[in-house]
Amino acid sequence: MAKLSLKNILGKNSDSAVILSSLIEQLQAKIRVEDETGKILINTQTDSDIHQYPIKLDNEMLGWVKGDKTGAAIAGLLHLLLQKEAERKKLGSEVLNLYQEVNMIFDFSEKLAQTIEANSISQITLNEASRVIQSNNGVIVLWDEKANKLQVAASVGELFFDQEKINGELTLLQHIIFNGQSEIISDISGLKQSGVILPQVESVIYSALKVKHRIMGAIILASNEPDPYTAADLKLLTTLALQSSAAIESALLYEKNIKEAQEKEEAMRRIYDITNKFVPFEFIKSLGHDVITDVRLGDQVEKIVTVLFSDIREYTTLSEKMTPEENFSFVCSFNERIGPIIRKYNGFVNQYLGDAIMAIFPGNAKDALSAAINMQQEVQAFNSIRQLRNEPAIQIGIGMHTGPLIMGITGDKSRMDACTISDTVNTASRLESLTKHYKAGILLSNASLQQIHNREPFLFRNLGLVQLKGKYESLNVHECFSGNPQTELLKKSETLSDFNEGVTFYLNKAFGQANKAFQKVLDVNPDDRTAKFFFSNTKQIIESGVADSKTGVVEMHEK
């Protein structure tokens, strides 16, 4: 508020000057009015200083009335006019301050409305407090119920307390943080002695952040000067604290809800991820669903797929030499190598059956065959590692067949399971078993071969017709040797024409000629176990004398 002076109230056009002139005229006063510096403001033609009347306001000298005895009345009027002017200015100042406070609160509310994050609201609040209340430092601390400690949500200037000690001195800080009050603290010696407050701090002002009766924390300002804070500062700080408490509470609740929602979402995602490892997503998707929770008992779909079975040869003999733990570890390490290959070629593992795998390829049979070749190559790499550990090499047989398949959900309301029902599965399984008899790595049916339009990247040998046990119709079977070791691959390629010729003779019941053709193959490649199978078979037929009754179809009497 501007300082009052006699000159201000005695301006030419002021009401005070008119009133004073009227009184001087009525009293016919002979006086002089001077300000505190001796400057004459009014003079009614007198040089007399017989009587002098001081003009004071709140013990502050503002001037004199000098002259005759009428000066007493003039001085009294001036004192009254000064009081009225002081009251008017005080009221104006209070109205202005109130307007500024309301405007500040409005602007502050607008800023708070622009964010829903607790730390951001805290920083906005602290910035506003530091702007309207002169301080060297400021901080907002919030009580973390989960961690059971104070956390700094926002700060300005140098952090004026030791963060490590505030949570060790909670009993001492309860007076400030948890009493729910607002206060100016000039004596902070106790805080200094405990090491909580830094030495340069001389005064602290704080206000609790609370909603209803729950204390969330406090907004604290510190000054390096003694006693800088006023009641007006405390009022402003309390207003800001009240205004921001509800916003911080809402933000914390929002953050809690978001965190809980994210945790629930993450938990559901983990459940979906884990469930998809037991029931492949491709299986669920084939049923027309995106998540397993949408699956219903009786859901089913029929598709043309390629089913692939693989099995480790002579695994029973191999497992007898291992402990149960070693068996489990071996199967896990093997499956970890094979599973990704199946997914790489757009298939999915429908079942891990111990040392065997059943996989489904919804697309072209070429995907399944490419996966089978890669699987055989991976086994060769695995054997290189086993050889370094003085472990025996392993071999796998792979059979694949293309045909209709029903995928669906069976069971009951309390226990459901994903299942596949189709003769295609049985046929693929039987083809895998045939690899033992034909001594071949990969066997595929003619139905699978017919789906592969571009066959140039692959190497095939026709193995003729096979009548599987329990089947009335013969199945045309082919060997793919693209996944064989390089030396075997070259020798099989070299003898391919003789081998195919031998199979043709076999199909036409020309077993003698077939025997000779397979002999030629073995002369070049004595390790060709499939050629040995046909050579021994034709030799047995010829020696038994039943060649004329044979159909050229290999009959299987076991699965």
Protein backbone atom coordinates (compact mmCIF):
# COMPACT_ATOMS: atom_id res chain seq x y z
CA MET A 1 0.00 0.00 0.00
CA ALA A 2 1.35 3.46 -0.99
CA LYS A 3 2.46 5.75 1.84
CA LEU A 4 -0.07 8.40 2.87
CA SER A 5 0.89 12.08 2.83
CA LEU A 6 -0.86 15.42 3.47
CA LYS A 7 -0.13 16.48 -0.07
CA ASN A 8 -2.15 13.53 -1.44
CA ILE A 9 -5.32 14.36 0.49
CA LEU A 10 -5.06 18.13 -0.13
CA GLY A 11 -5.03 17.99 -3.92
CA LYS A 12 -6.87 20.85 -5.70
CA ASN A 13 -9.88 18.79 -6.76
CA SER A 14 -10.07 16.46 -3.76
CA ASP A 15 -13.09 16.35 -1.45
CA SER A 16 -10.75 16.61 1.53
CA ALA A 17 -9.39 19.94 0.27
CA VAL A 18 -12.92 21.33 -0.16
CA ILE A 19 -13.92 20.29 3.38
CA LEU A 20 -10.75 21.75 4.88
CA SER A 21 -11.17 25.05 2.98
CA SER A 22 -14.76 25.35 4.24
CA LEU A 23 -13.64 24.82 7.85
CA ILE A 24 -10.81 27.38 7.56
CA GLU A 25 -13.24 29.91 6.11
CA GLN A 26 -15.81 29.39 8.87
CA LEU A 27 -13.19 29.68 11.63
CA GLN A 28 -11.39 32.58 9.89
CA ALA A 29 -8.30 30.61 10.84
CA LYS A 30 -4.86 32.12 10.55
CA ILE A 31 -2.77 28.94 10.06
CA ARG A 32 -0.10 27.27 8.00
CA VAL A 33 -0.18 23.56 7.06
CA GLU A 34 3.23 22.01 6.45
CA ASP A 35 4.19 18.44 5.51
CA GLU A 36 6.82 16.47 7.43
CA THR A 37 9.60 18.13 5.42
CA GLY A 38 8.41 21.67 6.24
CA LYS A 39 6.92 22.32 2.81
CA ILE A 40 3.93 24.67 3.10
CA LEU A 41 0.77 23.14 1.70
CA ILE A 42 -1.78 25.75 2.97
CA ASN A 43 -1.12 29.31 4.21
CA THR A 44 -3.82 31.75 5.33
CA GLN A 45 -1.48 34.77 5.63
CA THR A 46 0.19 34.17 8.93
CA ASP A 47 3.78 33.95 10.02
CA SER A 48 2.87 33.18 13.59
CA ASP A 49 4.05 29.90 15.13
CA ILE A 50 2.45 30.59 18.50
CA HIS A 51 0.60 27.29 18.39
CA GLN A 52 1.88 24.10 16.71
CA TYR A 53 -0.25 21.00 16.32
CA PRO A 54 1.40 17.80 15.04
CA ILE A 55 -0.42 15.57 12.51
CA LYS A 56 0.30 11.89 13.11
CA LEU A 57 -1.09 8.61 11.90
CA ASP A 58 -0.07 5.35 13.56
CA ASN A 59 2.70 7.25 15.36
CA GLU A 60 4.13 8.43 12.05
CA MET A 61 4.69 12.19 11.70
CA LEU A 62 2.99 13.46 8.54
CA GLY A 63 3.13 17.23 9.13
CA TRP A 64 2.14 20.30 11.26
CA VAL A 65 -0.58 22.90 11.63
CA LYS A 66 0.92 26.14 12.87
CA GLY A 67 -0.81 29.44 13.79
CA ASP A 68 -3.60 30.50 16.13
CA LYS A 69 -5.74 28.30 18.33
CA THR A 70 -8.01 27.31 15.46
CA GLY A 71 -5.14 25.10 14.31
CA ALA A 72 -6.26 22.44 16.80
CA ALA A 73 -9.56 21.95 14.97
CA ILE A 74 -7.76 21.99 11.60
CA ALA A 75 -5.24 19.35 12.82
CA GLY A 76 -8.09 17.21 14.15
CA LEU A 77 -9.88 17.34 10.81
CA LEU A 78 -6.70 16.47 8.93
CA HIS A 79 -6.10 13.52 11.23
CA LEU A 80 -9.66 12.31 10.60
CA LEU A 81 -9.28 12.73 6.83
CA LEU A 82 -6.01 10.82 6.91
CA GLN A 83 -7.64 7.98 8.85
CA LYS A 84 -10.46 7.76 6.33
CA GLU A 85 -7.99 7.75 3.43
CA ALA A 86 -5.93 5.05 5.14
CA GLU A 87 -9.04 2.91 5.65
CA ARG A 88 -10.04 3.43 2.03
CA LYS A 89 -6.61 2.44 0.77
CA LYS A 90 -6.53 -0.58 3.10
CA LEU A 91 -9.94 -1.72 1.86
CA GLY A 92 -8.81 -1.23 -1.74
CA SER A 93 -5.65 -3.17 -1.08
CA GLU A 94 -7.62 -6.02 0.53
CA VAL A 95 -10.04 -6.12 -2.40
CA LEU A 96 -7.12 -6.14 -4.82
CA ASN A 97 -5.39 -8.90 -2.87
CA LEU A 98 -8.60 -10.89 -2.75
CA TYR A 99 -9.07 -10.47 -6.50
CA GLN A 100 -5.49 -11.52 -7.13
CA GLU A 101 -5.93 -14.53 -4.85
CA VAL A 102 -9.15 -15.58 -6.61
CA ASN A 103 -7.48 -15.11 -9.99
CA MET A 104 -4.46 -17.09 -8.82
CA ILE A 105 -6.68 -19.92 -7.58
CA PHE A 106 -8.60 -19.93 -10.86
CA ASP A 107 -5.40 -20.08 -12.93
CA PHE A 108 -4.02 -22.72 -10.60
CA SER A 109 -7.16 -24.83 -11.00
CA GLU A 110 -6.84 -24.55 -14.77
CA LYS A 111 -3.27 -25.84 -14.59
CA LEU A 112 -4.26 -28.74 -12.33
CA ALA A 113 -7.01 -29.73 -14.75
CA GLN A 114 -4.46 -30.27 -17.51
CA THR A 115 -2.82 -33.32 -15.90
CA ILE A 116 -3.87 -36.47 -14.06
CA GLU A 117 -0.42 -37.56 -12.92
CA ALA A 118 0.31 -37.16 -9.19
CA ASN A 119 3.93 -36.03 -9.52
CA SER A 120 3.02 -33.51 -12.24
CA ILE A 121 0.24 -32.06 -10.05
CA SER A 122 2.70 -31.88 -7.15
CA GLN A 123 5.26 -30.04 -9.29
CA ILE A 124 2.64 -27.55 -10.56
CA THR A 125 1.52 -26.91 -6.97
CA LEU A 126 5.06 -26.40 -5.75
CA ASN A 127 5.96 -24.10 -8.64
CA GLU A 128 2.91 -21.95 -7.90
CA ALA A 129 3.71 -21.84 -4.18
CA SER A 130 7.30 -20.80 -4.87
CA ARG A 131 6.07 -18.08 -7.21
CA VAL A 132 3.73 -16.41 -4.71
CA ILE A 133 5.76 -17.08 -1.54
CA GLN A 134 9.42 -16.10 -1.52
CA SER A 135 11.52 -19.16 -0.65
CA ASN A 136 14.92 -20.62 -1.42
CA ASN A 137 13.71 -24.21 -1.63
CA GLY A 138 10.52 -26.21 -1.70
CA VAL A 139 9.37 -29.81 -1.63
CA ILE A 140 6.21 -31.89 -1.66
CA VAL A 141 6.45 -35.21 0.16
CA LEU A 142 3.79 -37.93 -0.07
CA TRP A 143 3.33 -40.92 2.18
CA ASP A 144 3.71 -44.21 0.31
CA GLU A 145 1.53 -46.66 2.25
CA LYS A 146 2.79 -49.67 0.32
CA ALA A 147 6.47 -48.88 0.94
CA ASN A 148 5.69 -47.37 4.38
CA LYS A 149 7.93 -44.37 3.75
CA LEU A 150 7.96 -40.78 2.55
CA GLN A 151 8.58 -40.16 -1.12
CA VAL A 152 9.58 -36.86 -2.75
CA ALA A 153 6.90 -36.07 -5.33
CA ALA A 154 8.28 -32.66 -6.43
CA SER A 155 11.01 -30.17 -5.53
CA VAL A 156 12.31 -26.71 -6.45
CA GLY A 157 15.73 -25.33 -5.69
CA GLU A 158 18.22 -27.34 -3.68
CA LEU A 159 16.74 -30.25 -1.77
CA PHE A 160 16.92 -28.85 1.75
CA PHE A 161 16.78 -32.07 3.72
CA ASP A 162 18.72 -35.30 3.80
CA GLN A 163 16.63 -37.89 1.92
CA GLU A 164 18.27 -40.77 3.73
CA LYS A 165 17.41 -39.36 7.16
CA ILE A 166 13.82 -38.21 6.71
CA ASN A 167 12.47 -41.75 6.80
CA GLY A 168 14.69 -42.57 9.76
CA GLU A 169 13.29 -39.62 11.71
CA LEU A 170 9.57 -40.16 11.12
CA THR A 171 8.76 -39.66 14.80
CA LEU A 172 10.33 -36.21 14.70
CA LEU A 173 8.68 -35.35 11.38
CA GLN A 174 5.22 -36.40 12.52
CA HIS A 175 4.80 -32.92 13.96
CA ILE A 176 5.22 -31.48 10.48
CA ILE A 177 3.95 -34.12 8.11
CA PHE A 178 1.16 -35.89 9.95
CA ASN A 179 -0.46 -33.32 12.27
CA GLY A 180 -2.76 -32.09 9.52
CA GLN A 181 -2.00 -28.43 10.27
CA SER A 182 -0.38 -25.45 8.57
CA GLU A 183 2.36 -23.57 10.38
CA ILE A 184 5.37 -21.27 10.18
CA ILE A 185 8.36 -22.75 12.04
CA SER A 186 11.09 -20.31 12.98
CA ASP A 187 12.79 -22.54 15.54
CA ILE A 188 14.08 -25.51 13.52
CA SER A 189 17.00 -26.31 15.82
CA GLY A 190 15.62 -29.78 16.55
CA LEU A 191 15.45 -30.61 12.85
CA LYS A 192 18.97 -29.31 12.34
CA GLN A 193 20.38 -31.29 15.25
CA SER A 194 18.87 -34.50 13.90
CA GLY A 195 20.47 -33.84 10.52
CA VAL A 196 17.15 -33.79 8.72
CA ILE A 197 17.30 -30.13 7.67
CA LEU A 198 20.43 -28.75 6.02
CA PRO A 199 22.39 -26.16 8.08
CA GLN A 200 21.69 -23.12 5.85
CA VAL A 201 17.90 -23.29 6.38
CA GLU A 202 16.61 -20.71 8.88
CA SER A 203 12.83 -20.88 8.55
CA VAL A 204 10.18 -23.33 7.33
CA ILE A 205 6.57 -22.92 6.36
CA TYR A 206 4.37 -25.95 5.63
CA SER A 207 0.81 -27.03 5.02
CA ALA A 208 -0.58 -30.55 5.18
CA LEU A 209 -1.99 -32.22 2.10
CA LYS A 210 -5.14 -33.98 3.22
CA VAL A 211 -8.45 -35.25 1.96
CA LYS A 212 -11.14 -35.42 4.63
CA HIS A 213 -9.22 -36.84 7.61
CA ARG A 214 -6.52 -38.67 5.67
CA ILE A 215 -3.09 -37.05 5.58
CA MET A 216 -1.32 -37.69 2.28
CA GLY A 217 1.78 -35.61 2.90
CA ALA A 218 2.80 -31.97 3.03
CA ILE A 219 3.99 -29.03 0.97
CA ILE A 220 7.05 -27.47 2.63
CA LEU A 221 8.92 -24.27 1.76
CA ALA A 222 12.23 -23.28 3.29
CA SER A 223 14.13 -20.02 3.50
CA ASN A 224 17.75 -19.25 4.30
CA GLU A 225 16.57 -15.99 5.94
CA PRO A 226 15.15 -15.82 9.50
CA ASP A 227 11.41 -15.06 9.85
CA PRO A 228 10.56 -14.26 6.20
CA TYR A 229 7.05 -15.69 6.27
CA THR A 230 3.78 -13.94 7.16
CA ALA A 231 0.25 -14.98 8.01
CA ALA A 232 -0.74 -14.05 4.45
CA ASP A 233 1.88 -16.50 3.15
CA LEU A 234 0.49 -19.22 5.38
CA LYS A 235 -3.03 -18.51 4.13
CA LEU A 236 -1.90 -18.74 0.51
CA LEU A 237 0.02 -21.95 1.10
CA THR A 238 -2.98 -23.51 2.88
CA THR A 239 -5.22 -22.52 -0.03
CA LEU A 240 -2.87 -24.15 -2.54
CA ALA A 241 -2.59 -27.26 -0.37
CA LEU A 242 -6.36 -27.63 -0.09
CA GLN A 243 -6.81 -27.00 -3.80
CA SER A 244 -4.21 -29.56 -4.85
CA SER A 245 -4.95 -32.29 -2.28
CA ALA A 246 -8.11 -33.47 -4.01
CA ALA A 247 -6.34 -33.42 -7.38
CA ILE A 248 -3.41 -35.44 -6.05
CA GLU A 249 -5.80 -37.89 -4.36
CA SER A 250 -7.70 -38.36 -7.62
CA ALA A 251 -4.46 -38.78 -9.55
CA LEU A 252 -3.14 -41.36 -7.08
CA LEU A 253 -6.43 -43.24 -7.27
CA TYR A 254 -6.35 -43.06 -11.08
CA GLU A 255 -2.75 -44.28 -11.15
CA LYS A 256 -3.68 -47.10 -8.75
CA ASN A 257 -6.61 -48.12 -10.94
CA ILE A 258 -4.48 -47.94 -14.08
CA LYS A 259 -1.74 -49.99 -12.41
CA GLU A 260 -4.24 -52.58 -11.22
CA ALA A 261 -5.78 -52.73 -14.69
CA GLN A 262 -2.33 -53.12 -16.24
CA GLU A 263 -1.44 -55.83 -13.73
CA LYS A 264 -4.69 -57.65 -14.50
CA GLU A 265 -4.06 -57.23 -18.22
CA GLU A 266 -0.50 -58.49 -17.82
CA ALA A 267 -1.74 -61.43 -15.75
CA MET A 268 -4.30 -62.28 -18.42
CA ARG A 269 -1.66 -61.89 -21.13
CA ARG A 270 0.62 -64.29 -19.24
CA ILE A 271 -2.28 -66.72 -18.87
CA TYR A 272 -2.98 -66.47 -22.60
CA ASP A 273 0.71 -66.90 -23.42
CA ILE A 274 1.06 -69.91 -21.13
CA THR A 275 -2.22 -71.41 -22.34
CA ASN A 276 -1.14 -70.97 -25.96
CA LYS A 277 1.89 -73.11 -25.14
CA PHE A 278 -0.45 -75.92 -24.15
CA VAL A 279 -3.13 -75.26 -26.78
CA PRO A 280 -1.50 -73.64 -29.85
CA PHE A 281 -2.93 -70.32 -30.95
CA GLU A 282 -3.18 -71.71 -34.49
CA PHE A 283 -5.53 -74.38 -33.16
CA ILE A 284 -7.70 -71.76 -31.43
CA LYS A 285 -7.62 -69.54 -34.51
CA SER A 286 -8.69 -72.45 -36.72
CA LEU A 287 -11.82 -72.70 -34.55
CA GLY A 288 -12.59 -69.04 -35.35
CA HIS A 289 -11.43 -67.59 -32.02
CA ASP A 290 -8.70 -65.14 -31.02
CA VAL A 291 -8.37 -66.15 -27.36
CA ILE A 292 -8.84 -69.44 -25.56
CA THR A 293 -11.50 -67.96 -23.26
CA ASP A 294 -13.86 -67.82 -26.25
CA VAL A 295 -13.59 -71.57 -26.83
CA ARG A 296 -16.71 -73.64 -26.14
CA LEU A 297 -17.25 -77.36 -25.73
CA GLY A 298 -18.15 -78.86 -29.09
CA ASP A 299 -16.37 -76.23 -31.21
CA GLN A 300 -15.00 -77.90 -34.34
CA VAL A 301 -13.75 -77.24 -37.83
CA GLU A 302 -12.72 -79.48 -40.73
CA LYS A 303 -9.70 -78.56 -42.83
CA ILE A 304 -7.34 -80.06 -45.36
CA VAL A 305 -3.98 -80.17 -43.59
CA THR A 306 -0.69 -82.02 -43.63
CA VAL A 307 -0.01 -84.02 -40.49
CA LEU A 308 3.63 -84.76 -39.64
CA PHE A 309 4.83 -87.36 -37.15
CA SER A 310 8.44 -87.72 -36.02
CA ASP A 311 9.92 -90.32 -33.71
CA ILE A 312 13.38 -91.08 -32.34
CA ARG A 313 14.55 -94.49 -33.51
CA GLU A 314 15.41 -97.12 -30.91
CA TYR A 315 14.57 -94.69 -28.12
CA THR A 316 13.68 -97.49 -25.70
CA THR A 317 17.19 -98.90 -25.95
CA LEU A 318 18.66 -95.40 -25.61
CA SER A 319 16.52 -94.50 -22.59
CA GLU A 320 17.43 -97.68 -20.71
CA LYS A 321 20.94 -96.29 -20.33
CA MET A 322 19.69 -93.03 -18.77
CA THR A 323 18.14 -92.09 -15.45
CA PRO A 324 14.60 -90.61 -15.47
CA GLU A 325 16.12 -87.13 -14.98
CA GLU A 326 18.53 -87.70 -17.89
CA ASN A 327 15.66 -88.98 -20.03
CA PHE A 328 13.60 -85.90 -19.31
CA SER A 329 16.54 -83.57 -19.94
CA PHE A 330 17.32 -85.31 -23.24
CA VAL A 331 13.73 -85.10 -24.51
CA CYS A 332 13.50 -81.41 -23.50
CA SER A 333 16.74 -80.48 -25.24
CA PHE A 334 15.66 -82.36 -28.37
CA ASN A 335 12.21 -80.77 -28.49
CA GLU A 336 13.69 -77.31 -27.92
CA ARG A 337 15.58 -77.78 -31.20
CA ILE A 338 12.71 -79.22 -33.22
CA GLY A 339 9.74 -77.09 -32.08
CA PRO A 340 11.03 -73.80 -33.54
CA ILE A 341 11.67 -75.47 -36.92
CA ILE A 342 8.02 -76.52 -37.15
CA ARG A 343 6.87 -72.97 -36.36
CA LYS A 344 9.40 -71.57 -38.82
CA TYR A 345 7.61 -73.39 -41.65
CA ASN A 346 4.08 -72.29 -40.66
CA GLY A 347 3.19 -75.37 -38.67
CA PHE A 348 2.38 -75.92 -35.02
CA VAL A 349 3.10 -78.71 -32.61
CA ASN A 350 -0.20 -80.35 -31.75
CA GLN A 351 1.34 -82.80 -29.26
CA TYR A 352 4.68 -83.66 -27.72
CA LEU A 353 4.46 -87.42 -27.21
CA GLY A 354 7.63 -88.08 -25.24
CA ASP A 355 10.21 -88.89 -27.92
CA ALA A 356 7.61 -88.33 -30.67
CA ILE A 357 6.05 -85.17 -32.10
CA MET A 358 2.78 -84.62 -33.93
CA ALA A 359 2.63 -81.40 -35.93
CA ILE A 360 -0.03 -79.88 -38.16
CA PHE A 361 0.64 -77.71 -41.22
CA PRO A 362 -2.56 -75.90 -42.33
CA GLY A 363 -0.94 -74.59 -45.52
CA ASN A 364 0.77 -76.39 -48.39
CA ALA A 365 2.46 -79.75 -47.83
CA LYS A 366 5.65 -78.06 -49.03
CA ASP A 367 5.85 -76.37 -45.60
CA ALA A 368 5.74 -79.74 -43.85
CA LEU A 369 8.36 -81.26 -46.15
CA SER A 370 10.68 -78.26 -45.75
CA ALA A 371 10.32 -78.59 -41.98
CA ALA A 372 11.04 -82.34 -42.14
CA ILE A 373 14.26 -81.73 -44.11
CA ASN A 374 15.36 -79.04 -41.66
CA MET A 375 14.57 -81.37 -38.75
CA GLN A 376 16.84 -84.08 -40.19
CA GLN A 377 19.62 -81.52 -40.67
CA GLU A 378 19.18 -80.33 -37.08
CA VAL A 379 19.51 -83.92 -35.85
CA GLN A 380 22.83 -84.18 -37.69
CA ALA A 381 24.02 -80.99 -35.96
CA PHE A 382 22.77 -82.37 -32.62
CA ASN A 383 24.71 -85.59 -33.23
CA SER A 384 27.91 -83.61 -33.76
CA ILE A 385 27.50 -82.19 -30.25
CA ARG A 386 26.65 -85.62 -28.81
CA GLN A 387 29.74 -87.08 -30.46
CA LEU A 388 31.94 -84.55 -28.65
CA ARG A 389 30.36 -85.72 -25.39
CA ASN A 390 30.93 -89.40 -26.30
CA GLU A 391 27.19 -89.94 -26.57
CA PRO A 392 25.59 -92.20 -29.20
CA ALA A 393 24.12 -90.66 -32.34
CA ILE A 394 20.35 -90.62 -32.74
CA GLN A 395 18.13 -90.96 -35.77
CA ILE A 396 14.56 -89.86 -36.36
CA GLY A 397 11.93 -91.07 -38.76
CA ILE A 398 9.39 -88.63 -40.19
CA GLY A 399 6.09 -89.51 -41.85
CA MET A 400 3.59 -87.06 -43.35
CA HIS A 401 0.20 -87.32 -44.99
CA THR A 402 -2.23 -84.72 -46.37
CA GLY A 403 -5.98 -85.00 -45.97
CA PRO A 404 -9.09 -83.83 -44.10
CA LEU A 405 -8.85 -83.30 -40.37
CA ILE A 406 -11.36 -82.25 -37.72
CA MET A 407 -9.96 -80.01 -34.98
CA GLY A 408 -12.23 -79.40 -32.04
CA ILE A 409 -12.87 -79.17 -28.33
CA THR A 410 -14.08 -82.34 -26.64
CA GLY A 411 -14.58 -83.48 -23.05
CA ASP A 412 -17.16 -82.23 -20.57
CA LYS A 413 -18.03 -78.97 -18.82
CA SER A 414 -15.45 -79.59 -16.11
CA ARG A 415 -12.61 -80.86 -18.29
CA MET A 416 -12.11 -79.90 -21.91
CA ASP A 417 -9.32 -80.81 -24.27
CA ALA A 418 -8.23 -79.88 -27.76
CA CYS A 419 -8.30 -82.88 -30.02
CA THR A 420 -7.88 -83.95 -33.64
CA ILE A 421 -10.02 -86.66 -35.19
CA SER A 422 -9.17 -87.99 -38.62
CA ASP A 423 -7.82 -90.96 -40.51
CA THR A 424 -5.22 -88.50 -41.80
CA VAL A 425 -3.58 -88.59 -38.37
CA ASN A 426 -3.52 -92.39 -38.30
CA THR A 427 -2.05 -92.56 -41.80
CA ALA A 428 0.70 -90.05 -40.98
CA SER A 429 1.54 -92.03 -37.86
CA ARG A 430 1.71 -95.28 -39.85
CA LEU A 431 3.97 -93.63 -42.42
CA GLU A 432 6.33 -92.62 -39.64
CA SER A 433 6.40 -96.26 -38.50
CA LEU A 434 7.16 -97.31 -42.09
CA THR A 435 10.44 -95.39 -41.95
CA LYS A 436 11.79 -98.22 -39.78
CA HIS A 437 10.93 -100.84 -42.40
CA TYR A 438 12.10 -98.85 -45.41
CA LYS A 439 15.11 -97.54 -43.49
CA ALA A 440 14.24 -94.05 -44.75
CA GLY A 441 14.44 -90.68 -42.98
CA ILE A 442 11.37 -89.01 -44.49
CA LEU A 443 8.29 -90.68 -46.00
CA LEU A 444 5.32 -88.88 -47.49
CA SER A 445 2.13 -90.04 -49.10
CA ASN A 446 1.18 -89.39 -52.68
CA ALA A 447 -1.52 -87.02 -51.37
CA SER A 448 1.21 -84.84 -49.83
CA LEU A 449 3.38 -85.05 -52.95
CA GLN A 450 0.49 -83.92 -55.15
CA GLN A 451 0.17 -80.70 -53.13
CA ILE A 452 3.80 -79.79 -53.85
CA HIS A 453 3.68 -78.23 -57.30
CA ASN A 454 7.27 -77.06 -57.46
CA ARG A 455 9.32 -80.16 -56.69
CA GLU A 456 12.67 -79.00 -58.11
CA PRO A 457 14.21 -78.11 -54.72
CA PHE A 458 13.53 -81.64 -53.41
CA LEU A 459 14.90 -85.11 -54.12
CA PHE A 460 12.34 -87.94 -54.16
CA ARG A 461 12.33 -91.70 -54.65
CA ASN A 462 9.11 -93.57 -55.32
CA LEU A 463 8.78 -96.52 -52.91
CA GLY A 464 5.71 -97.97 -54.58
CA LEU A 465 2.49 -99.15 -53.00
CA VAL A 466 2.02 -100.12 -49.36
CA GLN A 467 -1.01 -101.69 -47.75
CA LEU A 468 -1.05 -100.53 -44.15
CA LYS A 469 -2.41 -102.83 -41.47
CA GLY A 470 -6.17 -102.51 -41.20
CA LYS A 471 -6.40 -100.65 -44.54
CA TYR A 472 -8.05 -102.02 -47.69
CA GLU A 473 -6.63 -99.48 -50.12
CA SER A 474 -2.96 -99.31 -50.96
CA LEU A 475 -1.01 -96.11 -50.37
CA ASN A 476 1.60 -94.77 -52.75
CA VAL A 477 4.64 -93.80 -50.64
CA HIS A 478 7.63 -91.60 -51.51
CA GLU A 479 10.95 -91.04 -49.83
CA CYS A 480 12.50 -87.56 -49.68
CA PHE A 481 16.25 -87.77 -49.12
CA SER A 482 17.00 -84.04 -49.33
CA GLY A 483 17.73 -84.06 -45.59
CA ASN A 484 20.27 -86.88 -45.71
CA PRO A 485 23.95 -86.25 -44.99
CA GLN A 486 25.79 -84.94 -48.04
CA THR A 487 27.63 -88.19 -48.89
CA GLU A 488 24.40 -90.21 -48.75
CA LEU A 489 22.57 -87.58 -50.75
CA LEU A 490 25.15 -87.69 -53.57
CA LYS A 491 25.13 -91.52 -53.78
CA LYS A 492 21.33 -91.71 -53.75
CA SER A 493 21.21 -89.09 -56.50
CA GLU A 494 23.74 -91.09 -58.52
CA THR A 495 21.70 -94.32 -58.27
CA LEU A 496 18.25 -92.69 -58.52
CA SER A 497 17.42 -93.97 -62.01
CA ASP A 498 18.33 -97.58 -61.11
CA PHE A 499 16.32 -97.35 -57.90
CA ASN A 500 13.22 -95.99 -59.65
CA GLU A 501 13.57 -98.70 -62.30
CA GLY A 502 13.71 -101.36 -59.58
CA VAL A 503 10.51 -99.98 -57.96
CA THR A 504 8.74 -99.99 -61.35
CA PHE A 505 9.70 -103.65 -61.86
CA TYR A 506 8.50 -104.39 -58.34
CA LEU A 507 5.11 -102.79 -58.95
CA ASN A 508 4.76 -104.83 -62.17
CA LYS A 509 5.64 -108.04 -60.28
CA ALA A 510 8.92 -108.40 -62.22
CA PHE A 511 10.70 -109.32 -59.03
CA GLY A 512 13.75 -110.83 -60.72
CA GLN A 513 14.45 -107.70 -62.72
CA ALA A 514 13.69 -105.59 -59.65
CA ASN A 515 16.23 -107.61 -57.66
CA LYS A 516 18.91 -106.94 -60.27
CA ALA A 517 18.12 -103.21 -60.33
CA PHE A 518 18.44 -102.94 -56.56
CA GLN A 519 21.67 -104.95 -56.73
CA LYS A 520 23.07 -102.30 -59.09
CA VAL A 521 22.12 -99.63 -56.55
CA LEU A 522 23.88 -101.50 -53.76
CA ASP A 523 26.99 -102.00 -55.87
CA VAL A 524 27.38 -98.22 -55.97
CA ASN A 525 25.92 -97.44 -52.55
CA PRO A 526 26.12 -100.46 -50.25
CA ASP A 527 24.87 -98.31 -47.32
CA ASP A 528 21.51 -97.59 -48.98
CA ARG A 529 19.28 -99.27 -46.42
CA THR A 530 16.08 -98.68 -48.42
CA ALA A 531 17.60 -100.45 -51.44
CA LYS A 532 18.66 -103.25 -49.12
CA PHE A 533 15.05 -103.58 -47.94
CA PHE A 534 13.75 -104.00 -51.48
CA PHE A 535 16.66 -106.26 -52.48
CA SER A 536 16.02 -108.60 -49.51
CA ASN A 537 12.27 -108.51 -50.12
CA THR A 538 12.56 -109.41 -53.80
CA LYS A 539 15.12 -112.10 -53.05
CA GLN A 540 12.81 -113.66 -50.46
CA ILE A 541 9.87 -113.58 -52.89
CA ILE A 542 11.94 -115.24 -55.62
CA GLU A 543 13.39 -117.89 -53.29
CA SER A 544 9.99 -118.70 -51.77
CA GLY A 545 8.55 -119.46 -55.21
CA VAL A 546 5.43 -117.31 -54.67
CA ALA A 547 6.35 -114.53 -57.05
CA ASP A 548 3.38 -115.11 -59.33
CA SER A 549 0.90 -114.58 -56.51
CA LYS A 550 2.43 -111.32 -55.34
CA THR A 551 0.75 -108.03 -56.28
CA GLY A 552 3.74 -105.72 -56.09
CA VAL A 553 2.24 -104.13 -52.99
CA VAL A 554 4.19 -104.20 -49.76
CA GLU A 555 1.89 -105.52 -47.06
CA MET A 556 2.40 -104.32 -43.49
CA HIS A 557 1.25 -106.72 -40.80
CA GLU A 558 2.00 -104.38 -37.87
CA LYS A 559 1.52 -100.70 -37.11
